[in-house]
Amino acid sequence: MEYLFYVIAVINVVLCAMMGIDKLCAKLGKRRIPEKVLFLFAVLGGALGGTVGMLSFRHKTKHWYFAVGFPALAILQIALLIFYLSKNM
């Protein structure tokens, strides 16, 4: 089970980086990362990293489904992690 925490940490770092990369691509007029891919990484456990990336890079903050969805998913994922830890410690 400890590997799960490493996987979630990597997903969070990757999604944070993806938000920065997508912002750079937007500025340069290059091909973008699809929104559904960003949300997939958030749903798979990277919502906190996505939220940090969104706020750090000021990217997707005007899209309500990102501005509300990422933080809401992050809160849910943190609550599930706390619940899991409380039951298994």
PDB file of N, CA and C in Angstrom:
ATOM      1  N   MET A   1       0.806  -1.211   0.000  1.00  0.00           N
ATOM      2  CA  MET A   1       0.000   0.000   0.000  1.00  0.00           C
ATOM      3  C   MET A   1       0.844   1.269   0.000  1.00  0.00           C
ATOM      4  N   GLU A   2       2.087   1.161   0.481  1.00  0.00           N
ATOM      5  CA  GLU A   2       2.918   2.361   0.515  1.00  0.00           C
ATOM      6  C   GLU A   2       3.209   2.877  -0.886  1.00  0.00           C
ATOM      7  N   TYR A   3       3.206   1.989  -1.867  1.00  0.00           N
ATOM      8  CA  TYR A   3       3.437   2.414  -3.242  1.00  0.00           C
ATOM      9  C   TYR A   3       2.322   3.323  -3.737  1.00  0.00           C
ATOM     10  N   LEU A   4       1.136   3.141  -3.208  1.00  0.00           N
ATOM     11  CA  LEU A   4       0.010   3.989  -3.588  1.00  0.00           C
ATOM     12  C   LEU A   4       0.316   5.454  -3.293  1.00  0.00           C
ATOM     13  N   PHE A   5       0.940   5.715  -2.156  1.00  0.00           N
ATOM     14  CA  PHE A   5       1.275   7.097  -1.801  1.00  0.00           C
ATOM     15  C   PHE A   5       2.309   7.685  -2.769  1.00  0.00           C
ATOM     16  N   TYR A   6       3.260   6.864  -3.190  1.00  0.00           N
ATOM     17  CA  TYR A   6       4.249   7.337  -4.163  1.00  0.00           C
ATOM     18  C   TYR A   6       3.594   7.613  -5.512  1.00  0.00           C
ATOM     19  N   VAL A   7       2.683   6.752  -5.920  1.00  0.00           N
ATOM     20  CA  VAL A   7       1.977   6.935  -7.187  1.00  0.00           C
ATOM     21  C   VAL A   7       1.153   8.218  -7.148  1.00  0.00           C
ATOM     22  N   ILE A   8       0.443   8.432  -6.058  1.00  0.00           N
ATOM     23  CA  ILE A   8      -0.370   9.646  -5.930  1.00  0.00           C
ATOM     24  C   ILE A   8       0.518  10.894  -5.923  1.00  0.00           C
ATOM     25  N   ALA A   9       1.650  10.818  -5.238  1.00  0.00           N
ATOM     26  CA  ALA A   9       2.574  11.957  -5.224  1.00  0.00           C
ATOM     27  C   ALA A   9       3.077  12.264  -6.629  1.00  0.00           C
ATOM     28  N   VAL A  10       3.433  11.245  -7.385  1.00  0.00           N
ATOM     29  CA  VAL A  10       3.913  11.445  -8.752  1.00  0.00           C
ATOM     30  C   VAL A  10       2.814  12.034  -9.624  1.00  0.00           C
ATOM     31  N   ILE A  11       1.596  11.531  -9.489  1.00  0.00           N
ATOM     32  CA  ILE A  11       0.470  12.058 -10.276  1.00  0.00           C
ATOM     33  C   ILE A  11       0.267  13.540  -9.972  1.00  0.00           C
ATOM     34  N   ASN A  12       0.386  13.923  -8.709  1.00  0.00           N
ATOM     35  CA  ASN A  12       0.223  15.330  -8.333  1.00  0.00           C
ATOM     36  C   ASN A  12       1.308  16.206  -8.941  1.00  0.00           C
ATOM     37  N   VAL A  13       2.548  15.752  -8.881  1.00  0.00           N
ATOM     38  CA  VAL A  13       3.656  16.526  -9.463  1.00  0.00           C
ATOM     39  C   VAL A  13       3.484  16.624 -10.980  1.00  0.00           C
ATOM     40  N   VAL A  14       3.111  15.528 -11.606  1.00  0.00           N
ATOM     41  CA  VAL A  14       2.932  15.518 -13.062  1.00  0.00           C
ATOM     42  C   VAL A  14       1.811  16.471 -13.474  1.00  0.00           C
ATOM     43  N   LEU A  15       0.687  16.439 -12.767  1.00  0.00           N
ATOM     44  CA  LEU A  15      -0.425  17.329 -13.142  1.00  0.00           C
ATOM     45  C   LEU A  15      -0.062  18.787 -12.913  1.00  0.00           C
ATOM     46  N   CYS A  16       0.654  19.075 -11.853  1.00  0.00           N
ATOM     47  CA  CYS A  16       1.103  20.453 -11.626  1.00  0.00           C
ATOM     48  C   CYS A  16       1.980  20.905 -12.795  1.00  0.00           C
ATOM     49  N   ALA A  17       2.908  20.050 -13.201  1.00  0.00           N
ATOM     50  CA  ALA A  17       3.776  20.373 -14.337  1.00  0.00           C
ATOM     51  C   ALA A  17       2.971  20.503 -15.631  1.00  0.00           C
ATOM     52  N   MET A  18       1.985  19.631 -15.812  1.00  0.00           N
ATOM     53  CA  MET A  18       1.153  19.691 -17.020  1.00  0.00           C
ATOM     54  C   MET A  18       0.416  21.027 -17.115  1.00  0.00           C
ATOM     55  N   MET A  19      -0.017  21.554 -15.978  1.00  0.00           N
ATOM     56  CA  MET A  19      -0.701  22.851 -15.994  1.00  0.00           C
ATOM     57  C   MET A  19       0.261  23.950 -16.475  1.00  0.00           C
ATOM     58  N   GLY A  20       1.514  23.890 -16.019  1.00  0.00           N
ATOM     59  CA  GLY A  20       2.507  24.865 -16.465  1.00  0.00           C
ATOM     60  C   GLY A  20       2.842  24.710 -17.936  1.00  0.00           C
ATOM     61  N   ILE A  21       2.981  23.465 -18.364  1.00  0.00           N
ATOM     62  CA  ILE A  21       3.283  23.197 -19.774  1.00  0.00           C
ATOM     63  C   ILE A  21       2.136  23.661 -20.668  1.00  0.00           C
ATOM     64  N   ASP A  22       0.902  23.395 -20.244  1.00  0.00           N
ATOM     65  CA  ASP A  22      -0.254  23.810 -21.050  1.00  0.00           C
ATOM     66  C   ASP A  22      -0.351  25.326 -21.124  1.00  0.00           C
ATOM     67  N   LYS A  23      -0.019  25.996 -20.033  1.00  0.00           N
ATOM     68  CA  LYS A  23      -0.029  27.461 -20.039  1.00  0.00           C
ATOM     69  C   LYS A  23       1.016  27.985 -21.018  1.00  0.00           C
ATOM     70  N   LEU A  24       2.207  27.388 -20.995  1.00  0.00           N
ATOM     71  CA  LEU A  24       3.257  27.804 -21.922  1.00  0.00           C
ATOM     72  C   LEU A  24       2.845  27.548 -23.366  1.00  0.00           C
ATOM     73  N   CYS A  25       2.253  26.390 -23.617  1.00  0.00           N
ATOM     74  CA  CYS A  25       1.775  26.081 -24.972  1.00  0.00           C
ATOM     75  C   CYS A  25       0.721  27.082 -25.427  1.00  0.00           C
ATOM     76  N   ALA A  26      -0.142  27.494 -24.512  1.00  0.00           N
ATOM     77  CA  ALA A  26      -1.171  28.474 -24.847  1.00  0.00           C
ATOM     78  C   ALA A  26      -0.534  29.806 -25.242  1.00  0.00           C
ATOM     79  N   LYS A  27       0.476  30.211 -24.501  1.00  0.00           N
ATOM     80  CA  LYS A  27       1.150  31.475 -24.810  1.00  0.00           C
ATOM     81  C   LYS A  27       1.885  31.420 -26.146  1.00  0.00           C
ATOM     82  N   LEU A  28       2.452  30.257 -26.451  1.00  0.00           N
ATOM     83  CA  LEU A  28       3.244  30.114 -27.683  1.00  0.00           C
ATOM     84  C   LEU A  28       2.412  29.709 -28.893  1.00  0.00           C
ATOM     85  N   GLY A  29       1.121  29.469 -28.673  1.00  0.00           N
ATOM     86  CA  GLY A  29       0.259  29.059 -29.773  1.00  0.00           C
ATOM     87  C   GLY A  29       0.531  27.638 -30.239  1.00  0.00           C
ATOM     88  N   LYS A  30       1.075  26.818 -29.366  1.00  0.00           N
ATOM     89  CA  LYS A  30       1.392  25.422 -29.693  1.00  0.00           C
ATOM     90  C   LYS A  30       0.211  24.524 -29.353  1.00  0.00           C
ATOM     91  N   ARG A  31       0.357  23.245 -29.694  1.00  0.00           N
ATOM     92  CA  ARG A  31      -0.683  22.259 -29.399  1.00  0.00           C
ATOM     93  C   ARG A  31      -0.850  22.116 -27.890  1.00  0.00           C
ATOM     94  N   ARG A  32      -2.115  22.088 -27.438  1.00  0.00           N
ATOM     95  CA  ARG A  32      -2.445  22.101 -26.016  1.00  0.00           C
ATOM     96  C   ARG A  32      -2.737  20.707 -25.492  1.00  0.00           C
ATOM     97  N   ILE A  33      -2.695  20.580 -24.177  1.00  0.00           N
ATOM     98  CA  ILE A  33      -3.090  19.344 -23.507  1.00  0.00           C
ATOM     99  C   ILE A  33      -4.615  19.380 -23.381  1.00  0.00           C
ATOM    100  N   PRO A  34      -5.308  18.351 -23.846  1.00  0.00           N
ATOM    101  CA  PRO A  34      -6.780  18.363 -23.762  1.00  0.00           C
ATOM    102  C   PRO A  34      -7.267  18.475 -22.310  1.00  0.00           C
ATOM    103  N   GLU A  35      -8.345  19.210 -22.123  1.00  0.00           N
ATOM    104  CA  GLU A  35      -8.898  19.400 -20.786  1.00  0.00           C
ATOM    105  C   GLU A  35      -9.290  18.075 -20.150  1.00  0.00           C
ATOM    106  N   LYS A  36      -9.782  17.134 -20.942  1.00  0.00           N
ATOM    107  CA  LYS A  36     -10.188  15.854 -20.371  1.00  0.00           C
ATOM    108  C   LYS A  36      -8.989  15.087 -19.822  1.00  0.00           C
ATOM    109  N   VAL A  37      -7.804  15.286 -20.397  1.00  0.00           N
ATOM    110  CA  VAL A  37      -6.594  14.649 -19.876  1.00  0.00           C
ATOM    111  C   VAL A  37      -6.220  15.271 -18.531  1.00  0.00           C
ATOM    112  N   LEU A  38      -6.325  16.592 -18.433  1.00  0.00           N
ATOM    113  CA  LEU A  38      -6.043  17.265 -17.164  1.00  0.00           C
ATOM    114  C   LEU A  38      -7.002  16.773 -16.081  1.00  0.00           C
ATOM    115  N   PHE A  39      -8.273  16.667 -16.417  1.00  0.00           N
ATOM    116  CA  PHE A  39      -9.251  16.185 -15.441  1.00  0.00           C
ATOM    117  C   PHE A  39      -9.035  14.712 -15.105  1.00  0.00           C
ATOM    118  N   LEU A  40      -8.596  13.918 -16.060  1.00  0.00           N
ATOM    119  CA  LEU A  40      -8.320  12.505 -15.790  1.00  0.00           C
ATOM    120  C   LEU A  40      -7.234  12.379 -14.720  1.00  0.00           C
ATOM    121  N   PHE A  41      -6.167  13.137 -14.858  1.00  0.00           N
ATOM    122  CA  PHE A  41      -5.107  13.096 -13.861  1.00  0.00           C
ATOM    123  C   PHE A  41      -5.613  13.586 -12.499  1.00  0.00           C
ATOM    124  N   ALA A  42      -6.504  14.575 -12.511  1.00  0.00           N
ATOM    125  CA  ALA A  42      -7.073  15.065 -11.252  1.00  0.00           C
ATOM    126  C   ALA A  42      -7.917  13.989 -10.582  1.00  0.00           C
ATOM    127  N   VAL A  43      -8.739  13.319 -11.355  1.00  0.00           N
ATOM    128  CA  VAL A  43      -9.607  12.265 -10.814  1.00  0.00           C
ATOM    129  C   VAL A  43      -8.775  11.083 -10.317  1.00  0.00           C
ATOM    130  N   LEU A  44      -7.656  10.817 -10.954  1.00  0.00           N
ATOM    131  CA  LEU A  44      -6.804   9.693 -10.560  1.00  0.00           C
ATOM    132  C   LEU A  44      -5.972   9.981  -9.309  1.00  0.00           C
ATOM    133  N   GLY A  45      -6.181  11.123  -8.688  1.00  0.00           N
ATOM    134  CA  GLY A  45      -5.510  11.421  -7.430  1.00  0.00           C
ATOM    135  C   GLY A  45      -4.661  12.674  -7.438  1.00  0.00           C
ATOM    136  N   GLY A  46      -4.622  13.379  -8.556  1.00  0.00           N
ATOM    137  CA  GLY A  46      -3.753  14.547  -8.671  1.00  0.00           C
ATOM    138  C   GLY A  46      -4.428  15.888  -8.522  1.00  0.00           C
ATOM    139  N   ALA A  47      -5.588  15.927  -7.902  1.00  0.00           N
ATOM    140  CA  ALA A  47      -6.340  17.183  -7.818  1.00  0.00           C
ATOM    141  C   ALA A  47      -5.603  18.263  -7.031  1.00  0.00           C
ATOM    142  N   LEU A  48      -4.900  17.876  -5.986  1.00  0.00           N
ATOM    143  CA  LEU A  48      -4.159  18.872  -5.209  1.00  0.00           C
ATOM    144  C   LEU A  48      -3.051  19.488  -6.061  1.00  0.00           C
ATOM    145  N   GLY A  49      -2.309  18.659  -6.772  1.00  0.00           N
ATOM    146  CA  GLY A  49      -1.271  19.165  -7.669  1.00  0.00           C
ATOM    147  C   GLY A  49      -1.846  20.018  -8.784  1.00  0.00           C
ATOM    148  N   GLY A  50      -3.008  19.618  -9.291  1.00  0.00           N
ATOM    149  CA  GLY A  50      -3.678  20.408 -10.317  1.00  0.00           C
ATOM    150  C   GLY A  50      -4.113  21.763  -9.806  1.00  0.00           C
ATOM    151  N   THR A  51      -4.605  21.782  -8.582  1.00  0.00           N
ATOM    152  CA  THR A  51      -5.024  23.052  -7.971  1.00  0.00           C
ATOM    153  C   THR A  51      -3.827  23.961  -7.749  1.00  0.00           C
ATOM    154  N   VAL A  52      -2.737  23.403  -7.243  1.00  0.00           N
ATOM    155  CA  VAL A  52      -1.511  24.185  -7.038  1.00  0.00           C
ATOM    156  C   VAL A  52      -1.002  24.717  -8.376  1.00  0.00           C
ATOM    157  N   GLY A  53      -0.995  23.873  -9.398  1.00  0.00           N
ATOM    158  CA  GLY A  53      -0.554  24.299 -10.722  1.00  0.00           C
ATOM    159  C   GLY A  53      -1.459  25.370 -11.314  1.00  0.00           C
ATOM    160  N   MET A  54      -2.757  25.195 -11.130  1.00  0.00           N
ATOM    161  CA  MET A  54      -3.723  26.154 -11.658  1.00  0.00           C
ATOM    162  C   MET A  54      -3.491  27.533 -11.033  1.00  0.00           C
ATOM    163  N   LEU A  55      -3.293  27.549  -9.733  1.00  0.00           N
ATOM    164  CA  LEU A  55      -3.103  28.829  -9.045  1.00  0.00           C
ATOM    165  C   LEU A  55      -1.705  29.394  -9.274  1.00  0.00           C
ATOM    166  N   SER A  56      -0.692  28.543  -9.311  1.00  0.00           N
ATOM    167  CA  SER A  56       0.691  29.004  -9.515  1.00  0.00           C
ATOM    168  C   SER A  56       0.901  29.607 -10.894  1.00  0.00           C
ATOM    169  N   PHE A  57       0.347  28.944 -11.900  1.00  0.00           N
ATOM    170  CA  PHE A  57       0.541  29.389 -13.279  1.00  0.00           C
ATOM    171  C   PHE A  57      -0.600  30.275 -13.773  1.00  0.00           C
ATOM    172  N   ARG A  58      -1.584  30.514 -12.916  1.00  0.00           N
ATOM    173  CA  ARG A  58      -2.784  31.287 -13.289  1.00  0.00           C
ATOM    174  C   ARG A  58      -3.371  30.756 -14.591  1.00  0.00           C
ATOM    175  N   HIS A  59      -3.575  29.451 -14.579  1.00  0.00           N
ATOM    176  CA  HIS A  59      -4.039  28.772 -15.790  1.00  0.00           C
ATOM    177  C   HIS A  59      -5.369  28.090 -15.517  1.00  0.00           C
ATOM    178  N   LYS A  60      -6.338  28.312 -16.360  1.00  0.00           N
ATOM    179  CA  LYS A  60      -7.679  27.725 -16.281  1.00  0.00           C
ATOM    180  C   LYS A  60      -8.481  28.271 -15.100  1.00  0.00           C
ATOM    181  N   THR A  61      -8.051  29.367 -14.519  1.00  0.00           N
ATOM    182  CA  THR A  61      -8.749  29.913 -13.347  1.00  0.00           C
ATOM    183  C   THR A  61     -10.080  30.558 -13.713  1.00  0.00           C
ATOM    184  N   LYS A  62     -10.266  30.928 -14.965  1.00  0.00           N
ATOM    185  CA  LYS A  62     -11.530  31.540 -15.383  1.00  0.00           C
ATOM    186  C   LYS A  62     -12.556  30.512 -15.845  1.00  0.00           C
ATOM    187  N   HIS A  63     -12.123  29.255 -15.944  1.00  0.00           N
ATOM    188  CA  HIS A  63     -13.042  28.174 -16.290  1.00  0.00           C
ATOM    189  C   HIS A  63     -13.622  27.645 -14.987  1.00  0.00           C
ATOM    190  N   TRP A  64     -14.924  27.829 -14.774  1.00  0.00           N
ATOM    191  CA  TRP A  64     -15.522  27.475 -13.483  1.00  0.00           C
ATOM    192  C   TRP A  64     -15.334  26.004 -13.149  1.00  0.00           C
ATOM    193  N   TYR A  65     -15.357  25.146 -14.166  1.00  0.00           N
ATOM    194  CA  TYR A  65     -15.251  23.717 -13.895  1.00  0.00           C
ATOM    195  C   TYR A  65     -13.848  23.337 -13.419  1.00  0.00           C
ATOM    196  N   PHE A  66     -12.840  24.133 -13.725  1.00  0.00           N
ATOM    197  CA  PHE A  66     -11.510  23.926 -13.152  1.00  0.00           C
ATOM    198  C   PHE A  66     -11.412  24.627 -11.795  1.00  0.00           C
ATOM    199  N   ALA A  67     -11.864  25.889 -11.745  1.00  0.00           N
ATOM    200  CA  ALA A  67     -11.749  26.676 -10.516  1.00  0.00           C
ATOM    201  C   ALA A  67     -12.523  26.061  -9.353  1.00  0.00           C
ATOM    202  N   VAL A  68     -13.597  25.365  -9.656  1.00  0.00           N
ATOM    203  CA  VAL A  68     -14.391  24.698  -8.623  1.00  0.00           C
ATOM    204  C   VAL A  68     -14.046  23.212  -8.550  1.00  0.00           C
ATOM    205  N   GLY A  69     -13.884  22.589  -9.698  1.00  0.00           N
ATOM    206  CA  GLY A  69     -13.690  21.142  -9.762  1.00  0.00           C
ATOM    207  C   GLY A  69     -12.398  20.650  -9.150  1.00  0.00           C
ATOM    208  N   PHE A  70     -11.285  21.289  -9.476  1.00  0.00           N
ATOM    209  CA  PHE A  70     -10.001  20.836  -8.927  1.00  0.00           C
ATOM    210  C   PHE A  70      -9.960  20.959  -7.402  1.00  0.00           C
ATOM    211  N   PRO A  71     -10.309  22.132  -6.831  1.00  0.00           N
ATOM    212  CA  PRO A  71     -10.278  22.216  -5.365  1.00  0.00           C
ATOM    213  C   PRO A  71     -11.279  21.266  -4.688  1.00  0.00           C
ATOM    214  N   ALA A  72     -12.459  21.090  -5.293  1.00  0.00           N
ATOM    215  CA  ALA A  72     -13.452  20.179  -4.706  1.00  0.00           C
ATOM    216  C   ALA A  72     -12.931  18.744  -4.720  1.00  0.00           C
ATOM    217  N   LEU A  73     -12.324  18.341  -5.833  1.00  0.00           N
ATOM    218  CA  LEU A  73     -11.723  17.010  -5.907  1.00  0.00           C
ATOM    219  C   LEU A  73     -10.574  16.870  -4.908  1.00  0.00           C
ATOM    220  N   ALA A  74      -9.791  17.907  -4.750  1.00  0.00           N
ATOM    221  CA  ALA A  74      -8.671  17.864  -3.804  1.00  0.00           C
ATOM    222  C   ALA A  74      -9.182  17.677  -2.375  1.00  0.00           C
ATOM    223  N   ILE A  75     -10.222  18.397  -2.009  1.00  0.00           N
ATOM    224  CA  ILE A  75     -10.804  18.252  -0.669  1.00  0.00           C
ATOM    225  C   ILE A  75     -11.329  16.836  -0.476  1.00  0.00           C
ATOM    226  N   LEU A  76     -12.017  16.321  -1.472  1.00  0.00           N
ATOM    227  CA  LEU A  76     -12.532  14.951  -1.394  1.00  0.00           C
ATOM    228  C   LEU A  76     -11.397  13.946  -1.257  1.00  0.00           C
ATOM    229  N   GLN A  77     -10.357  14.103  -2.061  1.00  0.00           N
ATOM    230  CA  GLN A  77      -9.243  13.164  -2.013  1.00  0.00           C
ATOM    231  C   GLN A  77      -8.492  13.236  -0.679  1.00  0.00           C
ATOM    232  N   ILE A  78      -8.324  14.430  -0.147  1.00  0.00           N
ATOM    233  CA  ILE A  78      -7.669  14.574   1.162  1.00  0.00           C
ATOM    234  C   ILE A  78      -8.527  13.942   2.247  1.00  0.00           C
ATOM    235  N   ALA A  79      -9.843  14.156   2.186  1.00  0.00           N
ATOM    236  CA  ALA A  79     -10.752  13.547   3.170  1.00  0.00           C
ATOM    237  C   ALA A  79     -10.699  12.023   3.086  1.00  0.00           C
ATOM    238  N   LEU A  80     -10.678  11.477   1.877  1.00  0.00           N
ATOM    239  CA  LEU A  80     -10.580  10.026   1.716  1.00  0.00           C
ATOM    240  C   LEU A  80      -9.248   9.494   2.248  1.00  0.00           C
ATOM    241  N   LEU A  81      -8.183  10.235   2.037  1.00  0.00           N
ATOM    242  CA  LEU A  81      -6.877   9.829   2.545  1.00  0.00           C
ATOM    243  C   LEU A  81      -6.863   9.830   4.076  1.00  0.00           C
ATOM    244  N   ILE A  82      -7.430  10.867   4.677  1.00  0.00           N
ATOM    245  CA  ILE A  82      -7.504  10.931   6.143  1.00  0.00           C
ATOM    246  C   ILE A  82      -8.348   9.793   6.672  1.00  0.00           C
ATOM    247  N   PHE A  83      -9.473   9.523   6.028  1.00  0.00           N
ATOM    248  CA  PHE A  83     -10.337   8.411   6.444  1.00  0.00           C
ATOM    249  C   PHE A  83      -9.588   7.093   6.345  1.00  0.00           C
ATOM    250  N   TYR A  84      -8.899   6.888   5.227  1.00  0.00           N
ATOM    251  CA  TYR A  84      -8.143   5.653   5.028  1.00  0.00           C
ATOM    252  C   TYR A  84      -7.069   5.481   6.097  1.00  0.00           C
ATOM    253  N   LEU A  85      -6.341   6.551   6.360  1.00  0.00           N
ATOM    254  CA  LEU A  85      -5.281   6.483   7.358  1.00  0.00           C
ATOM    255  C   LEU A  85      -5.829   6.237   8.762  1.00  0.00           C
ATOM    256  N   SER A  86      -6.958   6.840   9.057  1.00  0.00           N
ATOM    257  CA  SER A  86      -7.544   6.646  10.389  1.00  0.00           C
ATOM    258  C   SER A  86      -8.022   5.208  10.602  1.00  0.00           C
ATOM    259  N   LYS A  87      -8.426   4.552   9.553  1.00  0.00           N
ATOM    260  CA  LYS A  87      -8.903   3.168   9.652  1.00  0.00           C
ATOM    261  C   LYS A  87      -7.770   2.153   9.617  1.00  0.00           C
ATOM    262  N   ASN A  88      -6.631   2.522   9.050  1.00  0.00           N
ATOM    263  CA  ASN A  88      -5.546   1.569   8.857  1.00  0.00           C
ATOM    264  C   ASN A  88      -4.303   1.867   9.677  1.00  0.00           C
ATOM    265  N   MET A  89      -4.407   2.683  10.680  1.00  0.00           N
ATOM    266  CA  MET A  89      -3.232   2.954  11.523  1.00  0.00           C
ATOM    267  C   MET A  89      -3.456   2.418  12.905  1.00  0.00           C
TER     268      MET A  89
END
